[in-house]
Amino acid sequence: MQAWTVFSFLCVSTLISKSLQNSTLVFWSSVLIIWVETQMGSVCPQMGAGLLASCFGWGMVGVSLYLFLTLLALSLRSSLLKVVLVTFSSALSFLFFLSDSLIWVFVLFEFSLVPILGMVLLSGKQPERIRASKFLFLFTLSFSALFILGTLDIGALGKTYSLGLLENLEFQGLGGSSVLFLVSSASFLVKIPIFTLHSWLPKAHVEAPLSGSIILAGYLLKMGTFGLFRLSSLFQGESQKFLWAFLMFLGGVGSLSGASMSLLSSDTKVAVACSSVSHMNMATLSLMVGSVESLKILLLLSLTHSLIASGLFILVTLSYSQLGSRSILLSKGAFSLTSSLSLFTFLALLANLGAPPFASFCGEVLFVPILMGKSVGLTLLFLLGVFLNSMFSVSFYGILAHRAPVSSGVSTSVLSMTLLFTTFAPASGMFPVVLALEAF
């Protein structure tokens, strides 16, 4: 009931923000934040997936709410349809992260595709948006059939669809629990996206508007991670060891491959999207390790990635919206004439690099000894992926802010201020997050 109240409140606050001044939006947003925080104590015990699942779910609710307010600020001058799509996507993400029913997880997970398809088809300006929409639709729809089959089989075996109750059961259906886990989790693996199933994401990012890219990086990819996290808690046994090892291998290769593609790409938005793929595969690798410590790292990496990737997409959108091109070569020195944007660019890429004092630094450093205990080879893949991501961040900053400008540069706007807050959020929240993780 609380989740549906959040949905109704979001709709009302959106309509009010479209008709009144920005001060009213800030007021209603503050009221919403306070109200959600007061409800956390009563909703968390209902999740039934343990303390880590509760922290993960409510952490993503907080990040989604933060990004929703950012999107509202960016959409104040947009059409009503775009604001409705943004609100609908945010509401679906809130309900998904709070849901305890496997059926509702499936319904909300699949409906989350609708706003993105609408943004790509209606807001995109290139004819390639049709092809990108087909990729997005076919990848998700083809694996959704497997998801519903796995969901129905899990419900039939466990006599319930409550995730909290199903965690105490073991499944041996469909020729073995490994097969059932793979069938049920395939849709989540696509949405993460895991290596070999990631080709739809750069295409969707390129054709989607800024709000669509923020929703993809901030909400939808984390739906895949969170869904796989909740589903993996149902399958704990010897029969999953080979499958989990294979997914760990894909995560390690994906982190290296995504970083390599971002370093070699000549398109600014594709480069950021490939870097996002690399970081999401790192998060998948931490999930598949399966220890309590690695799951804490998963929580930390997921929360920080939502904010950092969103800031990077704001950055590249600010660049190509005024330069008229996404080419990295044509963006040389784009921010060098504006000291504030040069600073924002440095902070955003420093966070993406994983340097202190940003929370991403803690996640990557703490994960190395944990992964070393599992596999030396995967540790080398992970470290090489981190190194290539660092090279991408350094070279990207050098191109945008340290070379002779080829144009008049990019001016400061509301987008740059939004980037400032989005980039500083992981840094300001680093110590509370790390202390909270170490507390349990």
Protein backbone atom coordinates (compact mmCIF):
# COMPACT_ATOMS: atom_id res chain seq x y z
CA MET A 1 0.00 0.00 0.00
CA GLN A 2 2.83 2.40 0.79
CA ALA A 3 4.33 1.84 -2.67
CA TRP A 4 1.08 2.75 -4.42
CA THR A 5 0.86 5.87 -2.26
CA VAL A 6 4.35 6.85 -3.47
CA PHE A 7 3.14 6.41 -7.05
CA SER A 8 0.09 8.64 -6.47
CA PHE A 9 2.17 11.28 -4.70
CA LEU A 10 4.66 11.36 -7.56
CA CYS A 11 1.92 11.92 -10.12
CA VAL A 12 0.40 14.77 -8.12
CA SER A 13 3.77 16.45 -7.51
CA THR A 14 4.59 16.22 -11.22
CA LEU A 15 1.37 17.94 -12.29
CA ILE A 16 1.91 20.63 -9.69
CA SER A 17 5.50 21.20 -10.78
CA LYS A 18 4.40 21.69 -14.38
CA SER A 19 1.92 24.42 -13.53
CA LEU A 20 3.71 26.31 -10.72
CA GLN A 21 7.13 27.79 -10.13
CA ASN A 22 10.39 25.98 -9.33
CA SER A 23 10.10 26.88 -5.66
CA THR A 24 6.93 24.83 -5.46
CA LEU A 25 8.72 21.87 -7.06
CA VAL A 26 11.46 22.08 -4.46
CA PHE A 27 8.87 22.27 -1.66
CA TRP A 28 6.91 19.23 -2.84
CA SER A 29 10.11 17.30 -3.50
CA SER A 30 11.30 17.98 0.05
CA VAL A 31 7.94 16.85 1.44
CA LEU A 32 8.16 13.66 -0.62
CA ILE A 33 11.69 12.87 0.57
CA ILE A 34 10.71 13.36 4.22
CA TRP A 35 7.59 11.24 3.80
CA VAL A 36 9.49 8.35 2.17
CA GLU A 37 12.13 8.39 4.90
CA THR A 38 9.46 8.19 7.61
CA GLN A 39 7.96 5.12 5.87
CA MET A 40 11.23 3.20 5.59
CA GLY A 41 10.97 1.61 9.01
CA SER A 42 7.52 0.18 8.32
CA VAL A 43 8.17 -1.07 4.79
CA CYS A 44 11.62 -2.64 5.16
CA PRO A 45 10.48 -5.52 7.41
CA GLN A 46 7.91 -6.48 4.76
CA MET A 47 10.59 -7.08 2.14
CA GLY A 48 11.65 -10.31 3.82
CA ALA A 49 14.93 -10.64 1.90
CA GLY A 50 17.29 -9.80 4.71
CA LEU A 51 19.10 -6.65 5.66
CA LEU A 52 21.20 -6.49 2.50
CA ALA A 53 18.16 -6.71 0.21
CA SER A 54 16.37 -4.06 2.25
CA CYS A 55 19.35 -1.72 2.11
CA PHE A 56 19.80 -2.37 -1.61
CA GLY A 57 16.12 -1.78 -2.36
CA TRP A 58 15.76 1.36 -0.29
CA GLY A 59 19.13 2.65 -1.43
CA MET A 60 17.97 2.40 -5.03
CA VAL A 61 14.67 4.07 -4.08
CA GLY A 62 16.66 6.99 -2.69
CA VAL A 63 18.88 7.19 -5.80
CA SER A 64 15.84 6.90 -8.08
CA LEU A 65 14.11 9.68 -6.18
CA TYR A 66 17.20 11.88 -6.47
CA LEU A 67 17.44 11.26 -10.21
CA PHE A 68 13.69 11.77 -10.60
CA LEU A 69 14.00 15.25 -9.12
CA THR A 70 16.95 15.91 -11.44
CA LEU A 71 14.88 14.79 -14.41
CA LEU A 72 11.98 17.01 -13.35
CA ALA A 73 14.32 19.98 -13.17
CA LEU A 74 15.59 19.20 -16.67
CA SER A 75 12.09 18.61 -18.05
CA LEU A 76 10.35 21.75 -16.81
CA ARG A 77 10.41 23.24 -20.31
CA SER A 78 9.64 19.96 -22.08
CA SER A 79 6.33 18.64 -23.28
CA LEU A 80 3.82 17.15 -20.88
CA LEU A 81 4.21 13.76 -22.57
CA LYS A 82 7.91 13.65 -21.73
CA VAL A 83 7.23 14.54 -18.10
CA VAL A 84 4.57 11.81 -17.92
CA LEU A 85 7.01 9.23 -19.32
CA VAL A 86 9.68 10.29 -16.80
CA THR A 87 7.20 10.08 -13.91
CA PHE A 88 5.83 6.74 -15.07
CA SER A 89 9.34 5.25 -15.33
CA SER A 90 10.30 6.57 -11.89
CA ALA A 91 7.12 5.22 -10.31
CA LEU A 92 7.72 1.79 -11.85
CA SER A 93 11.25 1.73 -10.46
CA PHE A 94 10.02 2.67 -6.96
CA LEU A 95 7.44 -0.11 -7.00
CA PHE A 96 9.93 -2.63 -8.39
CA PHE A 97 12.54 -2.04 -5.69
CA LEU A 98 9.87 -2.33 -2.98
CA SER A 99 8.07 -5.39 -4.36
CA ASP A 100 8.19 -8.72 -2.54
CA SER A 101 6.07 -10.68 -5.04
CA LEU A 102 7.76 -12.46 -7.92
CA ILE A 103 4.73 -11.84 -10.12
CA TRP A 104 4.85 -8.10 -9.46
CA VAL A 105 8.60 -8.14 -10.06
CA PHE A 106 7.92 -9.59 -13.51
CA VAL A 107 5.09 -7.17 -14.34
CA LEU A 108 6.96 -4.04 -13.18
CA PHE A 109 10.20 -5.18 -14.78
CA GLU A 110 8.57 -5.63 -18.17
CA PHE A 111 6.46 -2.47 -18.01
CA SER A 112 9.62 -0.47 -17.32
CA LEU A 113 10.45 -0.94 -21.00
CA VAL A 114 7.46 1.14 -22.12
CA PRO A 115 8.73 4.63 -21.09
CA ILE A 116 12.14 4.06 -22.69
CA LEU A 117 10.59 2.87 -25.93
CA GLY A 118 8.36 5.93 -25.90
CA MET A 119 11.30 8.27 -25.34
CA VAL A 120 13.41 6.68 -28.06
CA LEU A 121 10.57 6.66 -30.61
CA LEU A 122 8.97 10.01 -29.79
CA SER A 123 11.92 12.11 -28.64
CA GLY A 124 14.63 10.79 -30.93
CA LYS A 125 15.55 12.83 -33.99
CA GLN A 126 17.46 10.27 -36.05
CA PRO A 127 15.93 7.59 -38.32
CA GLU A 128 18.18 5.04 -36.58
CA ARG A 129 15.89 5.29 -33.54
CA ILE A 130 13.60 2.71 -35.19
CA ARG A 131 16.43 0.19 -35.37
CA ALA A 132 17.50 0.94 -31.80
CA SER A 133 13.91 0.44 -30.61
CA LYS A 134 13.76 -2.91 -32.39
CA PHE A 135 16.98 -4.03 -30.72
CA LEU A 136 15.69 -2.97 -27.31
CA PHE A 137 12.29 -4.58 -27.83
CA LEU A 138 13.51 -7.88 -29.29
CA PHE A 139 16.27 -8.39 -26.72
CA THR A 140 13.95 -7.83 -23.77
CA LEU A 141 10.83 -9.49 -25.20
CA SER A 142 12.59 -12.70 -26.29
CA PHE A 143 13.97 -13.28 -22.80
CA SER A 144 10.76 -12.18 -21.07
CA ALA A 145 9.12 -15.40 -22.24
CA LEU A 146 11.79 -17.36 -20.36
CA PHE A 147 11.30 -15.15 -17.31
CA ILE A 148 7.56 -15.81 -17.07
CA LEU A 149 8.12 -19.56 -17.55
CA GLY A 150 10.69 -19.58 -14.76
CA THR A 151 8.44 -17.47 -12.52
CA LEU A 152 5.50 -19.81 -12.96
CA ASP A 153 7.66 -22.87 -12.31
CA ILE A 154 9.15 -21.33 -9.16
CA GLY A 155 5.66 -20.51 -7.91
CA ALA A 156 4.44 -24.03 -8.65
CA LEU A 157 7.36 -25.61 -6.80
CA GLY A 158 7.29 -23.25 -3.85
CA LYS A 159 3.48 -22.89 -3.60
CA THR A 160 3.97 -19.14 -3.26
CA TYR A 161 5.32 -16.13 -5.15
CA SER A 162 6.61 -14.29 -2.10
CA LEU A 163 10.37 -13.82 -2.37
CA GLY A 164 10.70 -13.73 1.40
CA LEU A 165 9.13 -17.19 1.74
CA LEU A 166 10.84 -18.67 -1.31
CA GLU A 167 14.32 -17.95 0.05
CA ASN A 168 14.01 -20.87 2.44
CA LEU A 169 13.21 -23.39 -0.32
CA GLU A 170 15.41 -25.35 -2.73
CA PHE A 171 14.38 -26.05 -6.32
CA GLN A 172 15.18 -29.06 -8.46
CA GLY A 173 12.73 -28.54 -11.32
CA LEU A 174 13.29 -28.27 -15.09
CA GLY A 175 16.13 -30.78 -15.08
CA GLY A 176 18.03 -29.14 -12.24
CA SER A 177 18.03 -25.86 -10.36
CA SER A 178 20.82 -24.46 -12.56
CA VAL A 179 18.53 -24.62 -15.59
CA LEU A 180 15.69 -23.00 -13.66
CA PHE A 181 17.98 -20.25 -12.41
CA LEU A 182 19.31 -19.57 -15.92
CA VAL A 183 15.80 -19.50 -17.41
CA SER A 184 14.50 -17.17 -14.71
CA SER A 185 17.49 -14.84 -14.67
CA ALA A 186 18.02 -14.47 -18.43
CA SER A 187 15.84 -11.36 -18.61
CA PHE A 188 17.78 -9.75 -15.75
CA LEU A 189 21.10 -10.59 -17.42
CA VAL A 190 19.93 -8.80 -20.58
CA LYS A 191 18.91 -5.71 -18.66
CA ILE A 192 22.21 -5.47 -16.68
CA PRO A 193 23.54 -6.07 -19.47
CA ILE A 194 25.96 -8.99 -19.19
CA PHE A 195 28.70 -9.42 -21.78
CA THR A 196 27.43 -10.96 -25.09
CA LEU A 197 23.94 -9.50 -24.41
CA HIS A 198 24.99 -5.85 -24.24
CA SER A 199 24.80 -4.71 -27.87
CA TRP A 200 21.37 -3.06 -27.44
CA LEU A 201 22.53 -0.63 -24.73
CA PRO A 202 24.88 1.67 -26.73
CA LYS A 203 22.27 1.90 -29.51
CA ALA A 204 19.53 2.80 -27.03
CA HIS A 205 21.72 5.41 -25.32
CA VAL A 206 22.66 7.07 -28.61
CA GLU A 207 19.07 7.42 -29.82
CA ALA A 208 17.50 8.24 -26.45
CA PRO A 209 17.27 11.84 -25.19
CA LEU A 210 19.07 12.92 -22.03
CA SER A 211 16.20 11.88 -19.78
CA GLY A 212 16.14 8.44 -21.42
CA SER A 213 19.87 7.96 -20.89
CA ILE A 214 19.58 8.95 -17.23
CA ILE A 215 16.68 6.53 -16.73
CA LEU A 216 18.61 3.73 -18.45
CA ALA A 217 21.79 4.26 -16.42
CA GLY A 218 20.11 5.19 -13.15
CA TYR A 219 17.04 2.96 -12.98
CA LEU A 220 16.73 0.18 -15.53
CA LEU A 221 20.20 -1.33 -15.37
CA LYS A 222 19.89 -1.49 -11.58
CA MET A 223 16.57 -3.29 -11.98
CA GLY A 224 18.53 -6.08 -13.68
CA THR A 225 21.15 -6.14 -10.94
CA PHE A 226 18.61 -6.02 -8.12
CA GLY A 227 16.40 -8.66 -9.75
CA LEU A 228 19.36 -10.99 -10.22
CA PHE A 229 20.38 -10.35 -6.61
CA ARG A 230 16.92 -11.29 -5.29
CA LEU A 231 16.66 -14.30 -7.58
CA SER A 232 20.14 -15.63 -6.78
CA SER A 233 19.19 -15.78 -3.09
CA LEU A 234 16.68 -18.53 -4.01
CA PHE A 235 19.33 -20.79 -5.51
CA GLN A 236 22.11 -21.63 -3.10
CA GLY A 237 23.61 -25.07 -3.68
CA GLU A 238 26.31 -27.15 -5.29
CA SER A 239 24.47 -27.39 -8.62
CA GLN A 240 24.92 -23.66 -9.26
CA LYS A 241 28.69 -23.53 -8.89
CA PHE A 242 29.50 -24.08 -12.56
CA LEU A 243 26.86 -21.60 -13.74
CA TRP A 244 27.96 -18.96 -11.26
CA ALA A 245 31.59 -19.47 -12.30
CA PHE A 246 30.57 -18.99 -15.93
CA LEU A 247 28.69 -15.77 -15.10
CA MET A 248 31.72 -14.57 -13.12
CA PHE A 249 33.85 -15.17 -16.20
CA LEU A 250 31.39 -13.22 -18.38
CA GLY A 251 31.44 -10.39 -15.83
CA GLY A 252 35.24 -10.23 -15.87
CA VAL A 253 35.45 -10.33 -19.66
CA GLY A 254 32.62 -7.80 -19.91
CA SER A 255 34.37 -5.32 -17.65
CA LEU A 256 37.50 -5.55 -19.81
CA SER A 257 35.61 -5.48 -23.11
CA GLY A 258 33.44 -2.50 -22.15
CA ALA A 259 36.45 -0.50 -21.02
CA SER A 260 38.28 -1.31 -24.26
CA MET A 261 35.33 -0.22 -26.40
CA SER A 262 34.98 3.03 -24.47
CA LEU A 263 38.66 3.76 -24.98
CA LEU A 264 38.47 3.08 -28.74
CA SER A 265 35.13 4.75 -29.47
CA SER A 266 35.02 8.01 -31.43
CA ASP A 267 31.48 8.90 -30.25
CA THR A 268 31.22 10.59 -26.86
CA LYS A 269 27.88 9.05 -25.92
CA VAL A 270 28.84 5.57 -27.11
CA ALA A 271 32.07 5.84 -25.11
CA VAL A 272 30.19 6.68 -21.91
CA ALA A 273 27.67 3.88 -22.62
CA CYS A 274 30.48 1.32 -23.07
CA SER A 275 32.10 2.52 -19.85
CA SER A 276 28.73 1.97 -18.18
CA VAL A 277 28.65 -1.59 -19.55
CA SER A 278 32.09 -2.19 -18.06
CA HIS A 279 31.06 -0.98 -14.60
CA MET A 280 27.82 -2.98 -14.64
CA ASN A 281 29.74 -6.15 -15.47
CA MET A 282 32.02 -5.38 -12.52
CA ALA A 283 28.90 -5.22 -10.35
CA THR A 284 27.72 -8.55 -11.77
CA LEU A 285 31.10 -10.07 -10.97
CA SER A 286 30.78 -8.93 -7.35
CA LEU A 287 27.27 -10.43 -7.18
CA MET A 288 28.36 -13.80 -8.54
CA VAL A 289 31.16 -14.11 -5.96
CA GLY A 290 28.32 -14.63 -3.50
CA SER A 291 29.94 -13.67 -0.19
CA VAL A 292 28.44 -11.14 2.20
CA GLU A 293 31.37 -8.79 1.64
CA SER A 294 31.03 -8.94 -2.15
CA LEU A 295 27.31 -8.21 -1.88
CA LYS A 296 28.14 -5.07 0.09
CA ILE A 297 30.47 -4.11 -2.75
CA LEU A 298 27.62 -4.75 -5.20
CA LEU A 299 25.41 -2.35 -3.26
CA LEU A 300 28.12 0.32 -3.22
CA LEU A 301 29.00 -0.03 -6.91
CA SER A 302 25.37 0.02 -8.01
CA LEU A 303 24.42 3.13 -6.06
CA THR A 304 27.47 5.11 -7.14
CA HIS A 305 27.21 4.01 -10.79
CA SER A 306 23.66 5.35 -11.03
CA LEU A 307 24.81 8.82 -10.04
CA ILE A 308 28.17 8.91 -11.83
CA ALA A 309 26.88 7.56 -15.15
CA SER A 310 23.97 10.01 -15.07
CA GLY A 311 26.42 12.87 -14.53
CA LEU A 312 28.52 11.74 -17.49
CA PHE A 313 25.50 11.61 -19.77
CA ILE A 314 24.57 15.14 -18.71
CA LEU A 315 28.12 16.15 -19.53
CA VAL A 316 28.21 14.70 -23.05
CA THR A 317 24.70 16.00 -23.79
CA LEU A 318 25.79 19.48 -22.79
CA SER A 319 28.73 19.12 -25.16
CA TYR A 320 27.00 17.88 -28.33
CA SER A 321 23.87 19.95 -27.88
CA GLN A 322 25.96 23.11 -28.38
CA LEU A 323 28.71 21.80 -30.64
CA GLY A 324 26.30 19.92 -32.90
CA SER A 325 28.40 16.73 -32.94
CA ARG A 326 29.15 13.75 -30.71
CA SER A 327 32.56 13.21 -32.32
CA ILE A 328 35.35 13.14 -29.76
CA LEU A 329 37.72 14.75 -32.26
CA LEU A 330 35.35 17.68 -32.84
CA SER A 331 34.85 18.09 -29.08
CA LYS A 332 38.49 18.95 -28.40
CA GLY A 333 38.76 21.72 -25.85
CA ALA A 334 34.99 22.13 -25.67
CA PHE A 335 35.06 22.98 -21.95
CA SER A 336 38.44 24.67 -21.77
CA LEU A 337 37.01 28.22 -22.04
CA THR A 338 34.63 27.77 -19.09
CA SER A 339 36.36 27.14 -15.77
CA SER A 340 33.23 25.88 -14.02
CA LEU A 341 32.50 23.24 -16.66
CA SER A 342 36.15 22.26 -16.75
CA LEU A 343 35.92 21.65 -12.99
CA PHE A 344 32.67 19.70 -13.34
CA THR A 345 34.21 17.58 -16.10
CA PHE A 346 37.23 16.83 -13.93
CA LEU A 347 35.07 15.78 -10.96
CA ALA A 348 32.74 13.62 -13.03
CA LEU A 349 35.57 11.75 -14.74
CA LEU A 350 37.48 11.49 -11.46
CA ALA A 351 34.45 9.74 -9.98
CA ASN A 352 34.21 7.46 -13.03
CA LEU A 353 37.91 6.69 -12.68
CA GLY A 354 37.34 5.51 -9.13
CA ALA A 355 39.66 7.86 -7.28
CA PRO A 356 39.36 9.01 -3.67
CA PRO A 357 37.33 10.50 -2.06
CA PHE A 358 34.55 9.07 -4.26
CA ALA A 359 32.66 6.01 -3.09
CA SER A 360 33.50 4.11 -6.28
CA PHE A 361 37.13 4.03 -5.10
CA CYS A 362 36.13 2.18 -1.93
CA GLY A 363 34.11 -0.38 -3.87
CA GLU A 364 36.85 -1.23 -6.35
CA VAL A 365 39.68 -1.33 -3.83
CA LEU A 366 37.77 -3.42 -1.28
CA PHE A 367 36.67 -5.89 -3.96
CA VAL A 368 40.20 -6.81 -5.08
CA PRO A 369 41.17 -8.96 -2.04
CA ILE A 370 37.72 -10.59 -2.06
CA LEU A 371 38.05 -11.55 -5.73
CA MET A 372 41.66 -12.63 -5.22
CA GLY A 373 40.41 -15.33 -2.87
CA LYS A 374 38.19 -16.72 -5.64
CA SER A 375 40.31 -16.51 -8.78
CA VAL A 376 43.61 -14.87 -9.68
CA GLY A 377 42.69 -14.83 -13.36
CA LEU A 378 39.43 -12.97 -12.76
CA THR A 379 41.29 -10.55 -10.52
CA LEU A 380 43.67 -9.75 -13.38
CA LEU A 381 40.71 -9.21 -15.74
CA PHE A 382 39.07 -6.94 -13.19
CA LEU A 383 42.22 -4.89 -12.59
CA LEU A 384 42.86 -4.56 -16.32
CA GLY A 385 39.28 -3.35 -16.80
CA VAL A 386 39.77 -0.78 -14.02
CA PHE A 387 43.03 0.34 -15.62
CA LEU A 388 41.44 0.79 -19.07
CA ASN A 389 38.52 2.68 -17.53
CA SER A 390 41.04 4.95 -15.86
CA MET A 391 42.79 5.52 -19.20
CA PHE A 392 39.43 6.39 -20.77
CA SER A 393 38.61 8.91 -18.04
CA VAL A 394 42.01 10.59 -18.24
CA SER A 395 42.05 10.76 -22.04
CA PHE A 396 38.43 11.93 -22.17
CA TYR A 397 39.18 14.78 -19.80
CA GLY A 398 42.29 15.67 -21.76
CA ILE A 399 40.26 15.92 -24.96
CA LEU A 400 37.36 17.92 -23.51
CA ALA A 401 39.22 20.35 -21.29
CA HIS A 402 42.93 20.47 -22.10
CA ARG A 403 43.32 21.03 -25.81
CA ALA A 404 42.96 24.07 -28.02
CA PRO A 405 39.23 24.62 -28.63
CA VAL A 406 37.91 24.09 -32.14
CA SER A 407 34.87 26.27 -31.48
CA SER A 408 33.76 28.99 -29.11
CA GLY A 409 33.38 26.47 -26.32
CA VAL A 410 30.37 25.44 -24.27
CA SER A 411 28.59 27.91 -22.03
CA THR A 412 27.48 27.30 -18.46
CA SER A 413 23.79 26.47 -18.00
CA VAL A 414 21.34 24.76 -15.68
CA LEU A 415 22.68 21.44 -16.96
CA SER A 416 26.13 22.24 -15.58
CA MET A 417 24.71 22.95 -12.14
CA THR A 418 22.77 19.68 -12.27
CA LEU A 419 26.00 17.92 -13.19
CA LEU A 420 27.70 19.49 -10.18
CA PHE A 421 25.14 18.08 -7.72
CA THR A 422 24.95 14.71 -9.48
CA THR A 423 28.72 14.33 -9.42
CA PHE A 424 29.22 15.39 -5.82
CA ALA A 425 26.48 13.10 -4.48
CA PRO A 426 28.67 9.94 -4.39
CA ALA A 427 31.52 11.87 -2.70
CA SER A 428 29.30 13.45 -0.07
CA GLY A 429 27.68 10.10 0.69
CA MET A 430 30.86 8.05 0.76
CA PHE A 431 31.55 7.93 4.49
CA PRO A 432 27.96 7.23 5.63
CA VAL A 433 27.62 4.48 3.01
CA VAL A 434 30.90 2.80 3.89
CA LEU A 435 30.25 3.03 7.62
CA ALA A 436 26.76 1.60 7.14
CA LEU A 437 28.16 -1.33 5.13
CA GLU A 438 30.76 -2.08 7.78
CA ALA A 439 28.14 -1.96 10.52
CA PHE A 440 26.46 -5.24 9.57
